[in-house]
């Protein structure tokens, strides 16, 4: 489960962990649009020449970010 940090109550997170959910917290709302920008920025910071990043939500739906 990917979720925005500090958006769920502690008891909710504890219950999810009891059910063996793998929880990944990010500092932003985890939408395809936000992940496209996040990955674009990471790749640019690593010094790669990137034009755009595509993040797919479903096989037919994606978000694209580029500058």
PDB file of N, CA and C in Angstrom:
ATOM      1  N   UNK A   1       0.845  -1.161   0.000  1.00  0.00           N
ATOM      2  CA  UNK A   1       0.000   0.000   0.000  1.00  0.00           C
ATOM      3  C   UNK A   1       0.895   1.230   0.000  1.00  0.00           C
ATOM      4  N   UNK A   2       0.670   2.109  -0.940  1.00  0.00           N
ATOM      5  CA  UNK A   2       1.407   3.374  -0.998  1.00  0.00           C
ATOM      6  C   UNK A   2       0.455   4.459  -0.510  1.00  0.00           C
ATOM      7  N   UNK A   3       0.915   5.215   0.478  1.00  0.00           N
ATOM      8  CA  UNK A   3       0.050   6.237   1.057  1.00  0.00           C
ATOM      9  C   UNK A   3       0.828   7.499   1.388  1.00  0.00           C
ATOM     10  N   UNK A   4       0.103   8.594   1.472  1.00  0.00           N
ATOM     11  CA  UNK A   4       0.704   9.862   1.874  1.00  0.00           C
ATOM     12  C   UNK A   4       0.982   9.823   3.369  1.00  0.00           C
ATOM     13  N   UNK A   5       2.182  10.227   3.743  1.00  0.00           N
ATOM     14  CA  UNK A   5       2.621  10.209   5.148  1.00  0.00           C
ATOM     15  C   UNK A   5       1.676  11.044   6.007  1.00  0.00           C
ATOM     16  N   UNK A   6       1.392  10.526   7.193  1.00  0.00           N
ATOM     17  CA  UNK A   6       0.584  11.217   8.204  1.00  0.00           C
ATOM     18  C   UNK A   6      -0.869  11.457   7.793  1.00  0.00           C
ATOM     19  N   UNK A   7      -1.439  10.597   6.952  1.00  0.00           N
ATOM     20  CA  UNK A   7      -2.840  10.773   6.566  1.00  0.00           C
ATOM     21  C   UNK A   7      -3.769   9.759   7.220  1.00  0.00           C
ATOM     22  N   UNK A   8      -3.223   8.684   7.780  1.00  0.00           N
ATOM     23  CA  UNK A   8      -4.045   7.696   8.467  1.00  0.00           C
ATOM     24  C   UNK A   8      -3.739   7.705   9.962  1.00  0.00           C
ATOM     25  N   UNK A   9      -4.718   7.316  10.736  1.00  0.00           N
ATOM     26  CA  UNK A   9      -4.521   7.219  12.185  1.00  0.00           C
ATOM     27  C   UNK A   9      -3.575   6.063  12.495  1.00  0.00           C
ATOM     28  N   UNK A  10      -2.866   6.179  13.597  1.00  0.00           N
ATOM     29  CA  UNK A  10      -1.910   5.156  14.018  1.00  0.00           C
ATOM     30  C   UNK A  10      -2.575   3.786  14.139  1.00  0.00           C
ATOM     31  N   UNK A  11      -3.783   3.736  14.686  1.00  0.00           N
ATOM     32  CA  UNK A  11      -4.502   2.468  14.837  1.00  0.00           C
ATOM     33  C   UNK A  11      -4.789   1.826  13.478  1.00  0.00           C
ATOM     34  N   UNK A  12      -5.091   2.636  12.484  1.00  0.00           N
ATOM     35  CA  UNK A  12      -5.354   2.112  11.145  1.00  0.00           C
ATOM     36  C   UNK A  12      -4.094   1.483  10.565  1.00  0.00           C
ATOM     37  N   UNK A  13      -2.985   2.169  10.702  1.00  0.00           N
ATOM     38  CA  UNK A  13      -1.708   1.648  10.199  1.00  0.00           C
ATOM     39  C   UNK A  13      -1.341   0.358  10.934  1.00  0.00           C
ATOM     40  N   UNK A  14      -1.546   0.339  12.239  1.00  0.00           N
ATOM     41  CA  UNK A  14      -1.267  -0.872  13.012  1.00  0.00           C
ATOM     42  C   UNK A  14      -2.115  -2.043  12.534  1.00  0.00           C
ATOM     43  N   UNK A  15      -3.393  -1.788  12.251  1.00  0.00           N
ATOM     44  CA  UNK A  15      -4.287  -2.846  11.769  1.00  0.00           C
ATOM     45  C   UNK A  15      -3.825  -3.364  10.410  1.00  0.00           C
ATOM     46  N   UNK A  16      -3.409  -2.478   9.523  1.00  0.00           N
ATOM     47  CA  UNK A  16      -2.905  -2.893   8.214  1.00  0.00           C
ATOM     48  C   UNK A  16      -1.648  -3.737   8.350  1.00  0.00           C
ATOM     49  N   UNK A  17      -0.762  -3.341   9.239  1.00  0.00           N
ATOM     50  CA  UNK A  17       0.473  -4.110   9.457  1.00  0.00           C
ATOM     51  C   UNK A  17       0.176  -5.490  10.051  1.00  0.00           C
ATOM     52  N   UNK A  18      -0.830  -5.559  10.931  1.00  0.00           N
ATOM     53  CA  UNK A  18      -1.247  -6.850  11.479  1.00  0.00           C
ATOM     54  C   UNK A  18      -1.730  -7.783  10.370  1.00  0.00           C
ATOM     55  N   UNK A  19      -2.329  -7.210   9.344  1.00  0.00           N
ATOM     56  CA  UNK A  19      -2.810  -7.985   8.193  1.00  0.00           C
ATOM     57  C   UNK A  19      -1.696  -8.196   7.164  1.00  0.00           C
ATOM     58  N   UNK A  20      -0.473  -7.828   7.536  1.00  0.00           N
ATOM     59  CA  UNK A  20       0.733  -8.019   6.727  1.00  0.00           C
ATOM     60  C   UNK A  20       0.752  -7.213   5.429  1.00  0.00           C
ATOM     61  N   UNK A  21       0.116  -6.038   5.473  1.00  0.00           N
ATOM     62  CA  UNK A  21       0.233  -5.117   4.351  1.00  0.00           C
ATOM     63  C   UNK A  21       1.633  -4.531   4.350  1.00  0.00           C
ATOM     64  N   UNK A  22       2.213  -4.400   3.190  1.00  0.00           N
ATOM     65  CA  UNK A  22       3.470  -3.668   3.056  1.00  0.00           C
ATOM     66  C   UNK A  22       3.086  -2.214   2.836  1.00  0.00           C
ATOM     67  N   UNK A  23       3.506  -1.342   3.715  1.00  0.00           N
ATOM     68  CA  UNK A  23       3.118   0.064   3.655  1.00  0.00           C
ATOM     69  C   UNK A  23       4.326   0.902   3.272  1.00  0.00           C
ATOM     70  N   UNK A  24       4.155   1.693   2.228  1.00  0.00           N
ATOM     71  CA  UNK A  24       5.179   2.630   1.781  1.00  0.00           C
ATOM     72  C   UNK A  24       4.588   4.028   1.908  1.00  0.00           C
ATOM     73  N   UNK A  25       5.258   4.879   2.673  1.00  0.00           N
ATOM     74  CA  UNK A  25       4.772   6.244   2.863  1.00  0.00           C
ATOM     75  C   UNK A  25       5.594   7.211   2.012  1.00  0.00           C
ATOM     76  N   UNK A  26       4.898   8.112   1.350  1.00  0.00           N
ATOM     77  CA  UNK A  26       5.545   9.157   0.557  1.00  0.00           C
ATOM     78  C   UNK A  26       5.071  10.512   1.077  1.00  0.00           C
ATOM     79  N   UNK A  27       5.792  11.565   0.724  1.00  0.00           N
ATOM     80  CA  UNK A  27       5.487  12.913   1.237  1.00  0.00           C
ATOM     81  C   UNK A  27       4.463  13.660   0.388  1.00  0.00           C
ATOM     82  N   UNK A  28       3.834  12.966  -0.558  1.00  0.00           N
ATOM     83  CA  UNK A  28       2.870  13.595  -1.454  1.00  0.00           C
ATOM     84  C   UNK A  28       1.707  12.647  -1.689  1.00  0.00           C
ATOM     85  N   UNK A  29       0.610  13.187  -2.203  1.00  0.00           N
ATOM     86  CA  UNK A  29      -0.537  12.347  -2.527  1.00  0.00           C
ATOM     87  C   UNK A  29      -0.113  11.385  -3.641  1.00  0.00           C
ATOM     88  N   UNK A  30      -0.255  10.078  -3.443  1.00  0.00           N
ATOM     89  CA  UNK A  30       0.267   9.102  -4.397  1.00  0.00           C
ATOM     90  C   UNK A  30      -0.618   8.886  -5.633  1.00  0.00           C
ATOM     91  N   UNK A  31      -0.648   9.895  -6.498  1.00  0.00           N
ATOM     92  CA  UNK A  31      -1.371   9.787  -7.759  1.00  0.00           C
ATOM     93  C   UNK A  31      -0.371   9.499  -8.873  1.00  0.00           C
ATOM     94  N   UNK A  32      -0.864   9.025  -9.989  1.00  0.00           N
ATOM     95  CA  UNK A  32       0.018   8.771 -11.132  1.00  0.00           C
ATOM     96  C   UNK A  32       0.705  10.062 -11.564  1.00  0.00           C
ATOM     97  N   UNK A  33      -0.023  11.158 -11.530  1.00  0.00           N
ATOM     98  CA  UNK A  33       0.549  12.450 -11.925  1.00  0.00           C
ATOM     99  C   UNK A  33       1.711  12.841 -11.013  1.00  0.00           C
ATOM    100  N   UNK A  34       1.504  12.697  -9.712  1.00  0.00           N
ATOM    101  CA  UNK A  34       2.557  13.054  -8.767  1.00  0.00           C
ATOM    102  C   UNK A  34       3.748  12.109  -8.846  1.00  0.00           C
ATOM    103  N   UNK A  35       3.492  10.809  -9.073  1.00  0.00           N
ATOM    104  CA  UNK A  35       4.603   9.876  -9.222  1.00  0.00           C
ATOM    105  C   UNK A  35       5.392  10.148 -10.499  1.00  0.00           C
ATOM    106  N   UNK A  36       4.720  10.544 -11.576  1.00  0.00           N
ATOM    107  CA  UNK A  36       5.433  10.868 -12.809  1.00  0.00           C
ATOM    108  C   UNK A  36       6.414  12.016 -12.561  1.00  0.00           C
ATOM    109  N   UNK A  37       5.960  13.052 -11.892  1.00  0.00           N
ATOM    110  CA  UNK A  37       6.851  14.176 -11.583  1.00  0.00           C
ATOM    111  C   UNK A  37       7.964  13.755 -10.620  1.00  0.00           C
ATOM    112  N   UNK A  38       7.621  12.967  -9.598  1.00  0.00           N
ATOM    113  CA  UNK A  38       8.597  12.492  -8.616  1.00  0.00           C
ATOM    114  C   UNK A  38       9.719  11.709  -9.296  1.00  0.00           C
ATOM    115  N   UNK A  39       9.360  10.751 -10.156  1.00  0.00           N
ATOM    116  CA  UNK A  39      10.370   9.947 -10.849  1.00  0.00           C
ATOM    117  C   UNK A  39      11.172  10.794 -11.838  1.00  0.00           C
ATOM    118  N   UNK A  40      10.500  11.727 -12.512  1.00  0.00           N
ATOM    119  CA  UNK A  40      11.197  12.638 -13.430  1.00  0.00           C
ATOM    120  C   UNK A  40      12.279  13.409 -12.676  1.00  0.00           C
ATOM    121  N   UNK A  41      11.901  13.990 -11.538  1.00  0.00           N
ATOM    122  CA  UNK A  41      12.859  14.765 -10.744  1.00  0.00           C
ATOM    123  C   UNK A  41      14.016  13.898 -10.244  1.00  0.00           C
ATOM    124  N   UNK A  42      13.734  12.679  -9.795  1.00  0.00           N
ATOM    125  CA  UNK A  42      14.795  11.768  -9.340  1.00  0.00           C
ATOM    126  C   UNK A  42      15.784  11.446 -10.458  1.00  0.00           C
ATOM    127  N   UNK A  43      15.251  11.158 -11.618  1.00  0.00           N
ATOM    128  CA  UNK A  43      16.109  10.804 -12.758  1.00  0.00           C
ATOM    129  C   UNK A  43      16.974  11.998 -13.160  1.00  0.00           C
ATOM    130  N   UNK A  44      16.367  13.200 -13.184  1.00  0.00           N
ATOM    131  CA  UNK A  44      17.125  14.419 -13.509  1.00  0.00           C
ATOM    132  C   UNK A  44      18.229  14.669 -12.485  1.00  0.00           C
ATOM    133  N   UNK A  45      17.925  14.478 -11.192  1.00  0.00           N
ATOM    134  CA  UNK A  45      18.906  14.692 -10.126  1.00  0.00           C
ATOM    135  C   UNK A  45      20.098  13.745 -10.265  1.00  0.00           C
ATOM    136  N   UNK A  46      19.849  12.559 -10.798  1.00  0.00           N
ATOM    137  CA  UNK A  46      20.931  11.592 -10.995  1.00  0.00           C
ATOM    138  C   UNK A  46      21.765  11.902 -12.240  1.00  0.00           C
ATOM    139  N   UNK A  47      21.414  12.976 -12.946  1.00  0.00           N
ATOM    140  CA  UNK A  47      22.214  13.436 -14.067  1.00  0.00           C
ATOM    141  C   UNK A  47      21.838  12.862 -15.422  1.00  0.00           C
ATOM    142  N   UNK A  48      20.725  12.173 -15.499  1.00  0.00           N
ATOM    143  CA  UNK A  48      20.294  11.604 -16.776  1.00  0.00           C
ATOM    144  C   UNK A  48      19.525  12.635 -17.588  1.00  0.00           C
ATOM    145  N   UNK A  49      19.647  12.546 -18.889  1.00  0.00           N
ATOM    146  CA  UNK A  49      18.921  13.419 -19.799  1.00  0.00           C
ATOM    147  C   UNK A  49      17.575  12.752 -20.097  1.00  0.00           C
ATOM    148  N   UNK A  50      16.542  13.212 -19.439  1.00  0.00           N
ATOM    149  CA  UNK A  50      15.217  12.609 -19.580  1.00  0.00           C
ATOM    150  C   UNK A  50      14.268  13.633 -20.170  1.00  0.00           C
ATOM    151  N   UNK A  51      13.436  13.195 -21.101  1.00  0.00           N
ATOM    152  CA  UNK A  51      12.455  14.085 -21.723  1.00  0.00           C
ATOM    153  C   UNK A  51      11.132  14.077 -20.974  1.00  0.00           C
ATOM    154  N   UNK A  52      10.692  12.878 -20.608  1.00  0.00           N
ATOM    155  CA  UNK A  52       9.429  12.739 -19.889  1.00  0.00           C
ATOM    156  C   UNK A  52       9.378  11.377 -19.205  1.00  0.00           C
ATOM    157  N   UNK A  53       8.434  11.244 -18.292  1.00  0.00           N
ATOM    158  CA  UNK A  53       8.207   9.980 -17.583  1.00  0.00           C
ATOM    159  C   UNK A  53       6.726   9.655 -17.688  1.00  0.00           C
ATOM    160  N   UNK A  54       6.417   8.394 -17.957  1.00  0.00           N
ATOM    161  CA  UNK A  54       5.035   7.909 -17.985  1.00  0.00           C
ATOM    162  C   UNK A  54       4.828   6.953 -16.815  1.00  0.00           C
ATOM    163  N   UNK A  55       3.734   7.141 -16.085  1.00  0.00           N
ATOM    164  CA  UNK A  55       3.370   6.236 -14.994  1.00  0.00           C
ATOM    165  C   UNK A  55       1.964   5.724 -15.296  1.00  0.00           C
ATOM    166  N   UNK A  56       1.842   4.407 -15.401  1.00  0.00           N
ATOM    167  CA  UNK A  56       0.554   3.796 -15.730  1.00  0.00           C
ATOM    168  C   UNK A  56      -0.210   3.407 -14.478  1.00  0.00           C
ATOM    169  N   UNK A  57      -1.499   3.773 -14.449  1.00  0.00           N
ATOM    170  CA  UNK A  57      -2.413   3.342 -13.391  1.00  0.00           C
ATOM    171  C   UNK A  57      -3.090   2.035 -13.794  1.00  0.00           C
ATOM    172  N   UNK A  58      -3.413   1.941 -15.058  1.00  0.00           N
ATOM    173  CA  UNK A  58      -4.019   0.750 -15.650  1.00  0.00           C
ATOM    174  C   UNK A  58      -3.358   0.572 -17.016  1.00  0.00           C
ATOM    175  N   UNK A  59      -3.596  -0.537 -17.706  1.00  0.00           N
ATOM    176  CA  UNK A  59      -2.992  -0.709 -19.030  1.00  0.00           C
ATOM    177  C   UNK A  59      -3.360   0.395 -20.030  1.00  0.00           C
ATOM    178  N   UNK A  60      -4.486   1.074 -19.805  1.00  0.00           N
ATOM    179  CA  UNK A  60      -4.940   2.096 -20.757  1.00  0.00           C
ATOM    180  C   UNK A  60      -4.938   3.517 -20.203  1.00  0.00           C
ATOM    181  N   UNK A  61      -4.430   3.715 -19.005  1.00  0.00           N
ATOM    182  CA  UNK A  61      -4.496   5.035 -18.397  1.00  0.00           C
ATOM    183  C   UNK A  61      -3.129   5.370 -17.769  1.00  0.00           C
ATOM    184  N   UNK A  62      -2.553   6.506 -18.207  1.00  0.00           N
ATOM    185  CA  UNK A  62      -1.263   6.896 -17.658  1.00  0.00           C
ATOM    186  C   UNK A  62      -1.192   8.404 -17.456  1.00  0.00           C
ATOM    187  N   UNK A  63      -0.193   8.807 -16.676  1.00  0.00           N
ATOM    188  CA  UNK A  63       0.123  10.227 -16.486  1.00  0.00           C
ATOM    189  C   UNK A  63       1.528  10.433 -17.029  1.00  0.00           C
ATOM    190  N   UNK A  64       1.736  11.555 -17.708  1.00  0.00           N
ATOM    191  CA  UNK A  64       3.022  11.875 -18.314  1.00  0.00           C
ATOM    192  C   UNK A  64       3.503  13.201 -17.743  1.00  0.00           C
ATOM    193  N   UNK A  65       4.790  13.240 -17.362  1.00  0.00           N
ATOM    194  CA  UNK A  65       5.368  14.484 -16.891  1.00  0.00           C
ATOM    195  C   UNK A  65       6.693  14.726 -17.611  1.00  0.00           C
ATOM    196  N   UNK A  66       6.884  15.967 -18.051  1.00  0.00           N
ATOM    197  CA  UNK A  66       8.136  16.379 -18.680  1.00  0.00           C
ATOM    198  C   UNK A  66       8.234  17.892 -18.659  1.00  0.00           C
ATOM    199  N   UNK A  67       9.450  18.375 -18.857  1.00  0.00           N
ATOM    200  CA  UNK A  67       9.655  19.839 -18.876  1.00  0.00           C
ATOM    201  C   UNK A  67      10.240  20.267 -20.194  1.00  0.00           C
TER     202      UNK A  67
END
